Amino acid sequence: MKNTRKHFPVLSQYIYANTASAGLLSDDLMEWRQEHDLDYLIGGSNFRNKVAMKTISETRETVANFFGAKKENTSLVQNFSLGLNMLLEGLDRKHKVLLIKDDYPSVNWSFEYRGFEVSYVELNENLEEDILDTIRKDDISILALSLVQWTDGFKINMNFLTKIKSEFPNLKIIADGTQFCGTENFDFESSPIDVLGASAYKWLLSGYGNGFMLFKDGVEEIFNVRVIGFNASRHDLGARDRIPFANHFEPGHLDTLTFGSLKFSLEYLNTLGKQSIDEQLKKLSSKAQQEFGQLDLLSKVIVGRKDHSTIFNIKGDNALFQKLTENGVICSQRGEGIRFSFHFYNTEEDINEVVKILRTAI
């Protein structure tokens, strides 16, 4: 994966360990975006009319194929937060919901703000067992969670979700994949997840303003989504009352620049190979977990985790953060620590350099 570094100019100046905040734009994507806007500049509505439907339809198909979903059950949305809020407007308040305490606010707030009856589990080393116990005890009908936790990279075990679904087949699992999608070879249709949404500006490297929602067949039976607009009908004046479920999440025009960027980036990731990306990230995760663990900078929740993401929150104050910044490391302060996040364009040498800085400062 070292050859990919030349595609991302930021990497020539910094150690970029901040994909969990924002993924990088590539030179090739920037060139495509410039050509897109130049065509719009000189073509006006002729350009829009010629490319809009084709670009959006092809993007939807590319998303579906990349994640193993059905095209007809795939919606393009500007971001996960918007997609989830549209979805929950159609969910009966009688449902009992299970959330992870301190999960990403857009997940938890969307349920809490609407007054659903909510149970919580703590994010700790017993998380999966606590989820199962709470579902059994509290008659939970909706489990909503981030597949990778934003603060420390805790990764939910997919086999565990499969086990839950086997025991509770009527349970609906709604997942935020923003910190997950693009990090491993994943097939939605064979997964236990009923609804998966994600913003694509992080690990999918697509820039801001694009995301998607994926649905399993039958989800429309419990979500009475009322969002509507002319675009949802695919511009058919007679189709207002027979709009397919997934179309409701696209009520208005979609931006060909931002969603074309999503299509471009997914095609780029396909050329690298999803399995190759998966293997690279597992290697980086193992390396970082070992190095940060030896420095005693990780919580016990993460130290003993067998399958972890490439997001790590280490013990560190503002002085340490400033030290890292001064030495050209781009990372984030989250909670009471410092968050590093490594993508396929990172190397084990990047981690070694970060560790060298840490050793001089702690």
Protein backbone atom coordinates (compact mmCIF):
# COMPACT_ATOMS: atom_id res chain seq x y z
CA MET A 1 0.00 0.00 0.00
CA LYS A 2 3.02 2.31 0.11
CA ASN A 3 2.47 3.24 -3.53
CA THR A 4 -0.85 4.84 -2.59
CA ARG A 5 0.86 7.56 -0.58
CA LYS A 6 1.74 9.54 -3.69
CA HIS A 7 -1.98 10.05 -4.35
CA PHE A 8 -2.42 12.06 -1.14
CA PRO A 9 -0.34 15.27 -0.92
CA VAL A 10 -0.92 15.74 2.81
CA LEU A 11 1.26 12.72 3.50
CA SER A 12 4.36 14.46 2.15
CA GLN A 13 4.09 17.07 4.92
CA TYR A 14 2.61 15.30 7.93
CA ILE A 15 2.03 12.02 9.68
CA TYR A 16 -1.69 11.92 9.09
CA ALA A 17 -3.35 9.93 11.87
CA ASN A 18 -6.76 11.58 11.69
CA THR A 19 -8.96 9.75 9.17
CA ALA A 20 -11.56 9.23 11.90
CA SER A 21 -12.00 13.01 11.71
CA ALA A 22 -11.70 13.47 7.95
CA GLY A 23 -10.42 11.21 5.21
CA LEU A 24 -7.96 12.59 2.69
CA LEU A 25 -8.75 13.75 -0.82
CA SER A 26 -6.60 12.27 -3.55
CA ASP A 27 -5.03 14.12 -6.47
CA ASP A 28 -7.10 12.05 -8.88
CA LEU A 29 -10.36 12.90 -7.15
CA MET A 30 -9.50 16.59 -7.14
CA GLU A 31 -8.79 16.42 -10.86
CA TRP A 32 -12.14 14.71 -11.48
CA ARG A 33 -13.96 17.36 -9.41
CA GLN A 34 -12.30 20.18 -11.34
CA GLU A 35 -13.31 18.63 -14.66
CA HIS A 36 -16.87 18.17 -13.38
CA ASP A 37 -17.22 21.82 -12.42
CA LEU A 38 -15.58 23.01 -15.64
CA ASP A 39 -18.13 21.03 -17.64
CA TYR A 40 -20.88 22.60 -15.52
CA LEU A 41 -19.37 26.04 -16.02
CA ILE A 42 -19.45 25.86 -19.80
CA GLY A 43 -22.57 23.70 -20.13
CA GLY A 44 -25.03 25.05 -17.56
CA SER A 45 -28.34 23.20 -17.59
CA ASN A 46 -27.28 21.19 -20.65
CA PHE A 47 -24.58 19.59 -18.50
CA ARG A 48 -26.95 19.06 -15.60
CA ASN A 49 -29.64 17.47 -17.75
CA LYS A 50 -27.13 15.24 -19.49
CA VAL A 51 -25.26 13.87 -16.49
CA ALA A 52 -27.49 14.23 -13.42
CA MET A 53 -29.69 11.14 -13.64
CA LYS A 54 -26.87 9.00 -15.04
CA THR A 55 -24.34 10.01 -12.37
CA ILE A 56 -26.74 9.57 -9.47
CA SER A 57 -28.05 6.24 -10.71
CA GLU A 58 -24.53 4.93 -11.28
CA THR A 59 -23.45 6.13 -7.83
CA ARG A 60 -26.35 4.31 -6.21
CA GLU A 61 -25.44 1.14 -8.07
CA THR A 62 -21.76 1.50 -7.17
CA VAL A 63 -22.61 1.89 -3.47
CA ALA A 64 -24.89 -1.15 -3.56
CA ASN A 65 -22.29 -3.30 -5.29
CA PHE A 66 -19.45 -2.14 -3.04
CA PHE A 67 -21.31 -3.09 0.14
CA GLY A 68 -23.27 -6.09 -1.13
CA ALA A 69 -26.69 -4.43 -0.93
CA LYS A 70 -29.62 -4.31 -3.31
CA LYS A 71 -29.72 -1.22 -5.52
CA GLU A 72 -33.45 -0.80 -4.94
CA ASN A 73 -32.78 -0.78 -1.17
CA THR A 74 -29.98 1.79 -1.39
CA SER A 75 -30.52 5.51 -0.73
CA LEU A 76 -28.11 8.36 -1.25
CA VAL A 77 -28.19 10.90 1.57
CA GLN A 78 -26.04 13.91 2.38
CA ASN A 79 -24.91 12.38 5.68
CA PHE A 80 -25.80 9.68 8.19
CA SER A 81 -27.41 12.08 10.67
CA LEU A 82 -29.95 13.26 8.10
CA GLY A 83 -30.72 9.73 6.97
CA LEU A 84 -31.29 8.45 10.50
CA ASN A 85 -33.55 11.36 11.40
CA MET A 86 -35.70 10.79 8.32
CA LEU A 87 -35.93 7.10 9.20
CA LEU A 88 -36.92 7.64 12.84
CA GLU A 89 -39.73 10.03 11.94
CA GLY A 90 -41.46 6.92 10.66
CA LEU A 91 -40.88 4.70 13.71
CA ASP A 92 -43.66 4.13 16.23
CA ARG A 93 -42.74 5.41 19.71
CA LYS A 94 -43.90 2.10 21.23
CA HIS A 95 -40.55 0.53 20.36
CA LYS A 96 -38.05 -0.06 23.14
CA VAL A 97 -34.56 0.97 22.14
CA LEU A 98 -31.12 -0.13 23.34
CA LEU A 99 -28.20 2.29 22.94
CA ILE A 100 -24.57 2.38 24.01
CA LYS A 101 -23.95 5.12 26.55
CA ASP A 102 -21.81 7.91 25.06
CA ASP A 103 -22.17 6.55 21.54
CA TYR A 104 -21.90 9.14 18.76
CA PRO A 105 -24.44 11.90 19.56
CA SER A 106 -26.19 11.65 16.19
CA VAL A 107 -27.09 8.07 17.07
CA ASN A 108 -28.26 8.54 20.65
CA TRP A 109 -29.77 12.01 20.40
CA SER A 110 -31.98 10.98 17.48
CA PHE A 111 -33.79 8.49 19.72
CA GLU A 112 -33.63 10.45 22.98
CA TYR A 113 -34.97 13.65 21.44
CA ARG A 114 -38.03 11.85 20.11
CA GLY A 115 -38.94 10.38 23.48
CA PHE A 116 -38.38 6.68 22.83
CA GLU A 117 -38.11 4.39 25.85
CA VAL A 118 -34.37 3.82 25.98
CA SER A 119 -32.09 1.41 27.83
CA TYR A 120 -28.32 1.85 27.90
CA VAL A 121 -25.24 -0.33 28.19
CA GLU A 122 -21.84 0.95 29.26
CA LEU A 123 -18.92 0.82 26.84
CA ASN A 124 -16.65 -1.60 28.69
CA GLU A 125 -14.95 -4.96 28.26
CA ASN A 126 -18.29 -6.72 28.87
CA LEU A 127 -20.21 -4.71 26.29
CA GLU A 128 -21.45 -7.56 24.13
CA GLU A 129 -22.59 -9.66 27.09
CA ASP A 130 -24.35 -6.63 28.57
CA ILE A 131 -26.13 -5.97 25.26
CA LEU A 132 -27.43 -9.53 25.15
CA ASP A 133 -28.54 -9.48 28.79
CA THR A 134 -30.37 -6.17 28.34
CA ILE A 135 -32.20 -7.35 25.23
CA ARG A 136 -33.38 -10.40 27.11
CA LYS A 137 -34.39 -8.41 30.20
CA ASP A 138 -35.96 -5.25 28.76
CA ASP A 139 -37.89 -6.62 25.78
CA ILE A 140 -35.84 -4.53 23.36
CA SER A 141 -37.11 -4.25 19.77
CA ILE A 142 -34.51 -1.83 18.34
CA LEU A 143 -30.74 -2.02 18.82
CA ALA A 144 -28.96 1.08 17.50
CA LEU A 145 -25.21 1.51 17.68
CA SER A 146 -22.06 2.59 15.90
CA LEU A 147 -20.15 -0.40 14.53
CA VAL A 148 -16.93 1.36 15.52
CA GLN A 149 -17.06 3.76 18.45
CA TRP A 150 -15.90 7.25 17.60
CA THR A 151 -13.92 8.05 20.73
CA ASP A 152 -11.73 4.95 21.14
CA GLY A 153 -12.31 2.73 18.10
CA PHE A 154 -14.06 -0.09 19.98
CA LYS A 155 -15.30 -2.39 17.22
CA ILE A 156 -18.50 -4.38 17.55
CA ASN A 157 -18.04 -8.05 16.71
CA MET A 158 -20.18 -8.94 13.69
CA ASN A 159 -20.45 -12.58 14.76
CA PHE A 160 -21.92 -11.35 18.02
CA LEU A 161 -24.59 -9.37 16.15
CA THR A 162 -25.35 -12.52 14.15
CA LYS A 163 -25.81 -14.43 17.40
CA ILE A 164 -28.22 -11.78 18.68
CA LYS A 165 -30.20 -11.86 15.45
CA SER A 166 -30.44 -15.63 15.65
CA GLU A 167 -31.88 -15.49 19.16
CA PHE A 168 -34.09 -12.46 18.46
CA PRO A 169 -35.05 -12.58 14.77
CA ASN A 170 -37.62 -9.78 15.16
CA LEU A 171 -35.07 -7.39 16.66
CA LYS A 172 -34.14 -4.60 14.24
CA ILE A 173 -30.47 -3.59 14.21
CA ILE A 174 -29.71 -0.05 13.05
CA ALA A 175 -26.01 0.63 12.60
CA ASP A 176 -23.94 3.75 12.05
CA GLY A 177 -21.12 2.67 9.75
CA THR A 178 -19.39 6.03 9.41
CA GLN A 179 -16.28 4.83 11.28
CA PHE A 180 -16.57 1.33 9.80
CA CYS A 181 -17.44 1.44 6.11
CA GLY A 182 -14.30 1.29 4.03
CA THR A 183 -12.21 -0.47 6.66
CA GLU A 184 -12.99 -4.10 5.86
CA ASN A 185 -14.53 -6.36 3.24
CA PHE A 186 -18.20 -6.26 4.23
CA ASP A 187 -21.37 -7.75 2.70
CA PHE A 188 -24.56 -6.09 3.89
CA GLU A 189 -27.08 -8.67 2.66
CA SER A 190 -25.40 -11.54 4.51
CA SER A 191 -24.91 -9.43 7.66
CA PRO A 192 -27.30 -9.34 10.64
CA ILE A 193 -27.86 -5.59 10.19
CA ASP A 194 -31.27 -4.32 9.05
CA VAL A 195 -30.33 -0.68 8.41
CA LEU A 196 -26.82 0.60 7.79
CA GLY A 197 -26.08 4.26 7.24
CA ALA A 198 -22.80 6.13 6.82
CA SER A 199 -21.29 9.46 5.96
CA ALA A 200 -18.57 8.91 3.36
CA TYR A 201 -16.06 11.67 4.12
CA LYS A 202 -13.97 9.58 6.49
CA TRP A 203 -12.74 6.10 5.53
CA LEU A 204 -14.34 6.22 2.07
CA LEU A 205 -12.34 9.34 1.19
CA SER A 206 -15.18 10.99 -0.71
CA GLY A 207 -15.21 14.51 0.66
CA TYR A 208 -18.12 16.12 2.46
CA GLY A 209 -21.81 16.08 1.60
CA ASN A 210 -22.33 12.45 0.64
CA GLY A 211 -23.43 9.29 2.38
CA PHE A 212 -25.90 6.45 2.05
CA MET A 213 -28.50 4.29 3.76
CA LEU A 214 -28.83 0.54 3.11
CA PHE A 215 -32.00 -1.39 3.97
CA LYS A 216 -32.96 -5.05 4.16
CA ASP A 217 -36.17 -6.28 2.57
CA GLY A 218 -39.09 -5.91 4.99
CA VAL A 219 -37.75 -2.89 6.88
CA GLU A 220 -40.54 -0.79 5.38
CA GLU A 221 -43.03 -2.80 7.43
CA ILE A 222 -42.05 -1.01 10.66
CA PHE A 223 -40.95 2.40 9.32
CA ASN A 224 -43.73 4.60 8.00
CA VAL A 225 -41.47 7.22 6.41
CA ARG A 226 -43.39 10.35 5.35
CA VAL A 227 -40.56 12.30 3.71
CA ILE A 228 -41.47 13.06 0.11
CA GLY A 229 -40.49 15.22 -2.84
CA PHE A 230 -40.58 15.22 -6.61
CA ASN A 231 -37.13 13.66 -6.91
CA ALA A 232 -38.31 10.66 -4.86
CA SER A 233 -40.77 9.86 -7.65
CA ARG A 234 -37.92 9.90 -10.19
CA HIS A 235 -39.76 12.89 -11.70
CA ASP A 236 -42.98 11.00 -12.41
CA LEU A 237 -45.98 13.25 -11.69
CA GLY A 238 -48.25 10.24 -11.34
CA ALA A 239 -46.07 8.31 -8.87
CA ARG A 240 -46.65 10.25 -5.65
CA ASP A 241 -48.51 7.43 -3.90
CA ARG A 242 -46.34 4.52 -5.07
CA ILE A 243 -42.85 5.70 -4.25
CA PRO A 244 -40.56 2.83 -3.16
CA PHE A 245 -39.35 2.93 0.43
CA ALA A 246 -35.70 3.77 -0.29
CA ASN A 247 -36.68 6.59 -2.68
CA HIS A 248 -38.27 8.54 0.17
CA PHE A 249 -34.79 9.36 1.47
CA GLU A 250 -34.01 11.26 -1.74
CA PRO A 251 -36.82 13.87 -1.82
CA GLY A 252 -34.85 16.57 -3.64
CA HIS A 253 -32.10 16.96 -6.22
CA LEU A 254 -28.79 15.32 -5.37
CA ASP A 255 -25.49 17.05 -6.08
CA THR A 256 -23.60 15.41 -8.94
CA LEU A 257 -20.29 16.78 -7.65
CA THR A 258 -20.51 15.28 -4.17
CA PHE A 259 -22.17 12.00 -5.12
CA GLY A 260 -19.99 11.67 -8.20
CA SER A 261 -17.07 12.00 -5.78
CA LEU A 262 -18.46 9.07 -3.79
CA LYS A 263 -18.67 6.96 -6.94
CA PHE A 264 -15.13 7.95 -7.94
CA SER A 265 -13.69 7.06 -4.52
CA LEU A 266 -15.44 3.69 -4.32
CA GLU A 267 -14.08 2.81 -7.74
CA TYR A 268 -10.62 3.84 -6.55
CA LEU A 269 -10.92 1.64 -3.46
CA ASN A 270 -12.03 -1.22 -5.71
CA THR A 271 -8.83 -0.88 -7.73
CA LEU A 272 -6.81 -1.20 -4.51
CA GLY A 273 -8.89 -4.21 -3.48
CA LYS A 274 -11.14 -4.38 -0.43
CA GLN A 275 -9.33 -7.44 0.85
CA SER A 276 -5.94 -5.73 0.53
CA ILE A 277 -7.24 -2.72 2.46
CA ASP A 278 -8.66 -5.04 5.11
CA GLU A 279 -5.31 -6.81 5.52
CA GLN A 280 -3.35 -3.55 5.70
CA LEU A 281 -5.63 -2.15 8.40
CA LYS A 282 -5.43 -5.33 10.46
CA LYS A 283 -1.63 -5.05 10.31
CA LEU A 284 -1.70 -1.40 11.39
CA SER A 285 -4.22 -2.12 14.14
CA SER A 286 -2.10 -4.91 15.59
CA LYS A 287 1.03 -2.77 15.45
CA ALA A 288 -0.56 0.26 17.12
CA GLN A 289 -2.30 -1.82 19.77
CA GLN A 290 0.97 -3.48 20.70
CA GLU A 291 3.06 -0.29 20.73
CA PHE A 292 0.57 1.89 22.62
CA GLY A 293 -0.17 -0.97 24.99
CA GLN A 294 3.51 -1.39 25.87
CA LEU A 295 3.60 2.31 26.75
CA ASP A 296 0.59 1.75 29.04
CA LEU A 297 -1.40 4.37 27.14
CA LEU A 298 -4.54 2.34 26.36
CA SER A 299 -7.57 1.57 28.49
CA LYS A 300 -8.05 -2.00 29.65
CA VAL A 301 -11.11 -2.20 27.40
CA ILE A 302 -8.91 -1.86 24.32
CA VAL A 303 -5.75 -3.65 25.50
CA GLY A 304 -7.48 -7.03 25.66
CA ARG A 305 -9.59 -6.60 22.52
CA LYS A 306 -8.78 -9.25 19.88
CA ASP A 307 -10.49 -7.57 16.94
CA HIS A 308 -10.01 -3.82 17.10
CA SER A 309 -10.22 -1.00 14.57
CA THR A 310 -7.35 1.34 13.67
CA ILE A 311 -8.71 4.07 15.98
CA PHE A 312 -6.92 4.42 19.33
CA ASN A 313 -7.46 6.87 22.16
CA ILE A 314 -4.34 7.15 24.31
CA LYS A 315 -3.86 8.78 27.69
CA GLY A 316 -2.59 12.28 27.06
CA ASP A 317 -3.11 15.91 28.02
CA ASN A 318 -3.05 19.12 26.02
CA ALA A 319 0.74 19.43 26.41
CA LEU A 320 1.25 16.04 24.77
CA PHE A 321 -1.17 16.95 22.00
CA GLN A 322 0.78 20.13 21.32
CA LYS A 323 4.03 18.14 21.27
CA LEU A 324 2.61 15.81 18.64
CA THR A 325 1.28 18.72 16.59
CA GLU A 326 4.64 20.49 16.68
CA ASN A 327 6.26 17.33 15.35
CA GLY A 328 3.93 17.13 12.36
CA VAL A 329 1.46 14.55 13.65
CA ILE A 330 -2.16 15.30 12.79
CA CYS A 331 -4.51 13.70 15.31
CA SER A 332 -7.47 14.74 17.50
CA GLN A 333 -8.28 15.35 21.14
CA ARG A 334 -11.31 13.28 22.12
CA GLY A 335 -12.65 12.91 25.63
CA GLU A 336 -9.79 12.91 28.09
CA GLY A 337 -7.24 11.58 25.63
CA ILE A 338 -5.71 11.85 22.18
CA ARG A 339 -7.16 9.91 19.28
CA PHE A 340 -5.08 8.41 16.47
CA SER A 341 -6.69 6.83 13.43
CA PHE A 342 -4.73 5.05 10.68
CA HIS A 343 -5.88 4.23 7.15
CA PHE A 344 -4.35 2.15 4.37
CA TYR A 345 -2.12 5.06 3.29
CA ASN A 346 -0.43 4.94 6.68
CA THR A 347 2.53 2.68 7.36
CA GLU A 348 4.09 0.92 10.30
CA GLU A 349 6.85 3.53 10.02
CA ASP A 350 4.23 6.21 10.77
CA ILE A 351 3.35 4.40 13.97
CA ASN A 352 7.02 4.03 14.88
CA GLU A 353 7.52 7.78 14.45
CA VAL A 354 4.52 8.54 16.66
CA VAL A 355 5.87 6.16 19.30
CA LYS A 356 9.27 7.87 19.22
CA ILE A 357 7.61 11.21 19.94
CA LEU A 358 5.54 9.69 22.73
CA ARG A 359 8.59 8.13 24.38
CA THR A 360 10.26 11.53 24.62
CA ALA A 361 7.20 13.20 26.10
CA ILE A 362 5.73 10.81 28.65
